């Protein structure tokens, strides 16, 4: 998981980590397809780490919510 270094201090179950990894890969693909700068990946990774601490989400929901501040949620 490329953003593992950002997880320091967080406590997540194996299931949460799997969902987060799936969401991150989906987001990375969408950002790459749109030519977003690499720094945006780290910003989104932080959102993917923060959101599951508040509520349980599927990988798709997590990806959509992580992309929402960028105006990219829900786009194909």
N, C-alpha and C. Protein backbone atom coordinates (compact mmCIF):
# COMPACT_ATOMS: atom_id res chain seq x y z
N UNK A 1 0.85 -1.17 0.00
CA UNK A 1 0.00 0.00 0.00
C UNK A 1 0.91 1.24 0.00
N UNK A 2 0.89 2.04 -1.06
CA UNK A 2 1.81 3.16 -1.20
C UNK A 2 1.67 4.24 -0.12
N UNK A 3 0.55 4.32 0.56
CA UNK A 3 0.39 5.35 1.56
C UNK A 3 0.54 4.82 2.98
N UNK A 4 1.15 3.65 3.11
CA UNK A 4 1.32 3.02 4.43
C UNK A 4 2.03 3.95 5.42
N UNK A 5 3.00 4.74 4.96
CA UNK A 5 3.71 5.65 5.87
C UNK A 5 2.78 6.68 6.50
N UNK A 6 1.64 6.95 5.89
CA UNK A 6 0.68 7.91 6.42
C UNK A 6 -0.19 7.30 7.53
N UNK A 7 -0.13 5.98 7.67
CA UNK A 7 -0.98 5.29 8.64
C UNK A 7 -0.41 5.26 10.05
N UNK A 8 0.78 5.79 10.25
CA UNK A 8 1.42 5.74 11.57
C UNK A 8 0.49 6.34 12.62
N UNK A 9 0.29 5.60 13.70
CA UNK A 9 -0.56 6.05 14.78
C UNK A 9 -2.02 5.67 14.62
N UNK A 10 -2.41 5.21 13.44
CA UNK A 10 -3.79 4.80 13.22
C UNK A 10 -3.96 3.33 13.53
N UNK A 11 -5.15 2.98 13.97
CA UNK A 11 -5.46 1.58 14.25
C UNK A 11 -6.63 1.18 13.35
N UNK A 12 -6.33 0.29 12.41
CA UNK A 12 -7.34 -0.15 11.46
C UNK A 12 -7.36 -1.67 11.42
N UNK A 13 -8.53 -2.22 11.18
CA UNK A 13 -8.65 -3.67 11.03
C UNK A 13 -8.12 -4.07 9.65
N UNK A 14 -7.91 -5.36 9.48
CA UNK A 14 -7.46 -5.86 8.17
C UNK A 14 -8.49 -5.52 7.10
N UNK A 15 -9.77 -5.63 7.44
CA UNK A 15 -10.84 -5.32 6.48
C UNK A 15 -10.81 -3.84 6.10
N UNK A 16 -10.62 -2.97 7.07
CA UNK A 16 -10.55 -1.54 6.78
C UNK A 16 -9.35 -1.23 5.88
N UNK A 17 -8.23 -1.86 6.15
CA UNK A 17 -7.04 -1.63 5.33
C UNK A 17 -7.26 -2.09 3.89
N UNK A 18 -7.96 -3.20 3.72
CA UNK A 18 -8.27 -3.69 2.38
C UNK A 18 -9.16 -2.70 1.64
N UNK A 19 -10.19 -2.22 2.30
CA UNK A 19 -11.11 -1.25 1.69
C UNK A 19 -10.35 0.03 1.34
N UNK A 20 -9.50 0.49 2.24
CA UNK A 20 -8.73 1.70 2.00
C UNK A 20 -7.80 1.52 0.80
N UNK A 21 -7.15 0.38 0.71
CA UNK A 21 -6.25 0.11 -0.41
C UNK A 21 -7.01 0.08 -1.73
N UNK A 22 -8.19 -0.55 -1.74
CA UNK A 22 -9.01 -0.60 -2.95
C UNK A 22 -9.46 0.80 -3.36
N UNK A 23 -9.87 1.59 -2.39
CA UNK A 23 -10.32 2.96 -2.67
C UNK A 23 -9.16 3.79 -3.22
N UNK A 24 -8.00 3.65 -2.61
CA UNK A 24 -6.83 4.42 -3.04
C UNK A 24 -6.44 4.06 -4.48
N UNK A 25 -6.46 2.81 -4.80
CA UNK A 25 -6.11 2.40 -6.17
C UNK A 25 -7.12 2.95 -7.17
N UNK A 26 -8.39 2.92 -6.82
CA UNK A 26 -9.43 3.47 -7.72
C UNK A 26 -9.22 4.97 -7.91
N UNK A 27 -8.92 5.67 -6.84
CA UNK A 27 -8.69 7.11 -6.90
C UNK A 27 -7.43 7.42 -7.70
N UNK A 28 -6.36 6.67 -7.45
CA UNK A 28 -5.12 6.88 -8.20
C UNK A 28 -5.34 6.74 -9.70
N UNK A 29 -6.10 5.72 -10.08
CA UNK A 29 -6.39 5.52 -11.50
C UNK A 29 -7.16 6.70 -12.08
N UNK A 30 -8.17 7.16 -11.35
CA UNK A 30 -8.97 8.28 -11.83
C UNK A 30 -8.12 9.55 -11.93
N UNK A 31 -7.28 9.79 -10.95
CA UNK A 31 -6.43 10.98 -10.99
C UNK A 31 -5.41 10.90 -12.11
N UNK A 32 -4.82 9.72 -12.30
CA UNK A 32 -3.85 9.54 -13.38
C UNK A 32 -4.51 9.78 -14.73
N UNK A 33 -5.71 9.26 -14.90
CA UNK A 33 -6.43 9.43 -16.16
C UNK A 33 -6.73 10.90 -16.45
N UNK A 34 -6.81 11.69 -15.42
CA UNK A 34 -7.12 13.11 -15.58
C UNK A 34 -5.87 13.99 -15.56
N UNK A 35 -4.69 13.39 -15.43
CA UNK A 35 -3.45 14.15 -15.46
C UNK A 35 -3.22 15.00 -14.22
N UNK A 36 -3.74 14.60 -13.07
CA UNK A 36 -3.55 15.35 -11.83
C UNK A 36 -2.10 15.21 -11.36
N UNK A 37 -1.55 16.26 -10.73
CA UNK A 37 -0.19 16.17 -10.21
C UNK A 37 -0.10 15.15 -9.06
N UNK A 38 1.07 14.59 -8.87
CA UNK A 38 1.28 13.54 -7.87
C UNK A 38 0.94 13.99 -6.46
N UNK A 39 1.13 15.25 -6.14
CA UNK A 39 0.84 15.74 -4.79
C UNK A 39 -0.63 15.56 -4.43
N UNK A 40 -1.49 15.56 -5.42
CA UNK A 40 -2.91 15.35 -5.18
C UNK A 40 -3.15 13.95 -4.62
N UNK A 41 -2.35 12.97 -5.04
CA UNK A 41 -2.47 11.60 -4.49
C UNK A 41 -2.32 11.60 -2.98
N UNK A 42 -1.37 12.36 -2.47
CA UNK A 42 -1.14 12.38 -1.02
C UNK A 42 -2.30 13.05 -0.29
N UNK A 43 -2.83 14.11 -0.85
CA UNK A 43 -3.98 14.79 -0.25
C UNK A 43 -5.16 13.83 -0.16
N UNK A 44 -5.40 13.11 -1.24
CA UNK A 44 -6.50 12.15 -1.28
C UNK A 44 -6.23 10.99 -0.32
N UNK A 45 -4.98 10.56 -0.23
CA UNK A 45 -4.63 9.48 0.71
C UNK A 45 -4.98 9.88 2.13
N UNK A 46 -4.72 11.12 2.49
CA UNK A 46 -5.07 11.59 3.83
C UNK A 46 -6.58 11.49 4.06
N UNK A 47 -7.37 11.84 3.05
CA UNK A 47 -8.84 11.74 3.17
C UNK A 47 -9.25 10.28 3.32
N UNK A 48 -8.60 9.39 2.58
CA UNK A 48 -8.94 7.97 2.65
C UNK A 48 -8.61 7.41 4.04
N UNK A 49 -7.65 7.97 4.69
CA UNK A 49 -7.30 7.53 6.05
C UNK A 49 -8.25 8.14 7.08
N UNK A 50 -8.64 9.38 6.88
CA UNK A 50 -9.50 10.07 7.85
C UNK A 50 -10.93 9.55 7.84
N UNK A 51 -11.49 9.36 6.68
CA UNK A 51 -12.92 9.02 6.58
C UNK A 51 -13.32 7.72 7.30
N UNK A 52 -12.58 6.63 7.19
CA UNK A 52 -12.99 5.39 7.87
C UNK A 52 -12.94 5.49 9.40
N UNK A 53 -12.28 6.50 9.92
CA UNK A 53 -12.24 6.68 11.35
C UNK A 53 -13.56 7.21 11.89
N UNK A 54 -14.38 7.77 11.01
CA UNK A 54 -15.68 8.34 11.40
C UNK A 54 -16.86 7.42 11.12
N UNK A 55 -16.76 6.63 10.05
CA UNK A 55 -17.87 5.75 9.67
C UNK A 55 -17.37 4.61 8.78
N UNK A 56 -18.18 3.58 8.69
CA UNK A 56 -17.85 2.43 7.84
C UNK A 56 -18.32 2.72 6.42
N UNK A 57 -17.41 2.57 5.47
CA UNK A 57 -17.70 2.84 4.07
C UNK A 57 -17.19 1.71 3.20
N UNK A 58 -17.82 1.52 2.05
CA UNK A 58 -17.29 0.59 1.06
C UNK A 58 -16.14 1.29 0.33
N UNK A 59 -15.37 0.54 -0.43
CA UNK A 59 -14.27 1.13 -1.19
C UNK A 59 -14.79 2.18 -2.16
N UNK A 60 -15.91 1.90 -2.80
CA UNK A 60 -16.49 2.85 -3.75
C UNK A 60 -16.92 4.15 -3.05
N UNK A 61 -17.61 4.01 -1.91
CA UNK A 61 -18.04 5.19 -1.16
C UNK A 61 -16.83 6.00 -0.70
N UNK A 62 -15.82 5.31 -0.23
CA UNK A 62 -14.62 5.97 0.26
C UNK A 62 -13.92 6.73 -0.86
N UNK A 63 -13.80 6.11 -2.02
CA UNK A 63 -13.18 6.77 -3.17
C UNK A 63 -13.98 8.00 -3.58
N UNK A 64 -15.29 7.87 -3.64
CA UNK A 64 -16.15 9.00 -4.04
C UNK A 64 -16.01 10.17 -3.06
N UNK A 65 -16.02 9.86 -1.77
CA UNK A 65 -15.91 10.93 -0.77
C UNK A 65 -14.52 11.54 -0.74
N UNK A 66 -13.51 10.77 -1.04
CA UNK A 66 -12.15 11.31 -1.10
C UNK A 66 -11.98 12.25 -2.30
N UNK A 67 -12.68 11.96 -3.38
CA UNK A 67 -12.60 12.76 -4.60
C UNK A 67 -13.52 13.98 -4.58
N UNK A 68 -14.53 13.97 -3.73
CA UNK A 68 -15.54 15.03 -3.72
C UNK A 68 -14.94 16.44 -3.60
N UNK A 69 -13.97 16.68 -2.70
CA UNK A 69 -13.42 18.04 -2.61
C UNK A 69 -12.72 18.51 -3.89
N UNK A 70 -12.35 17.57 -4.74
CA UNK A 70 -11.70 17.92 -6.00
C UNK A 70 -12.70 18.10 -7.15
N UNK A 71 -13.97 17.86 -6.83
CA UNK A 71 -15.00 17.98 -7.86
C UNK A 71 -15.00 16.82 -8.84
N UNK A 72 -14.41 15.69 -8.46
CA UNK A 72 -14.31 14.54 -9.36
C UNK A 72 -15.19 13.38 -8.96
N UNK A 73 -15.92 13.48 -7.87
CA UNK A 73 -16.77 12.38 -7.40
C UNK A 73 -17.91 12.15 -8.38
N UNK A 74 -18.21 10.88 -8.62
CA UNK A 74 -19.34 10.53 -9.46
C UNK A 74 -19.08 10.61 -10.95
N UNK A 75 -17.88 11.01 -11.35
CA UNK A 75 -17.58 11.09 -12.78
C UNK A 75 -16.98 9.77 -13.26
N UNK A 76 -17.27 9.41 -14.47
CA UNK A 76 -16.69 8.18 -15.05
C UNK A 76 -15.49 8.49 -15.88
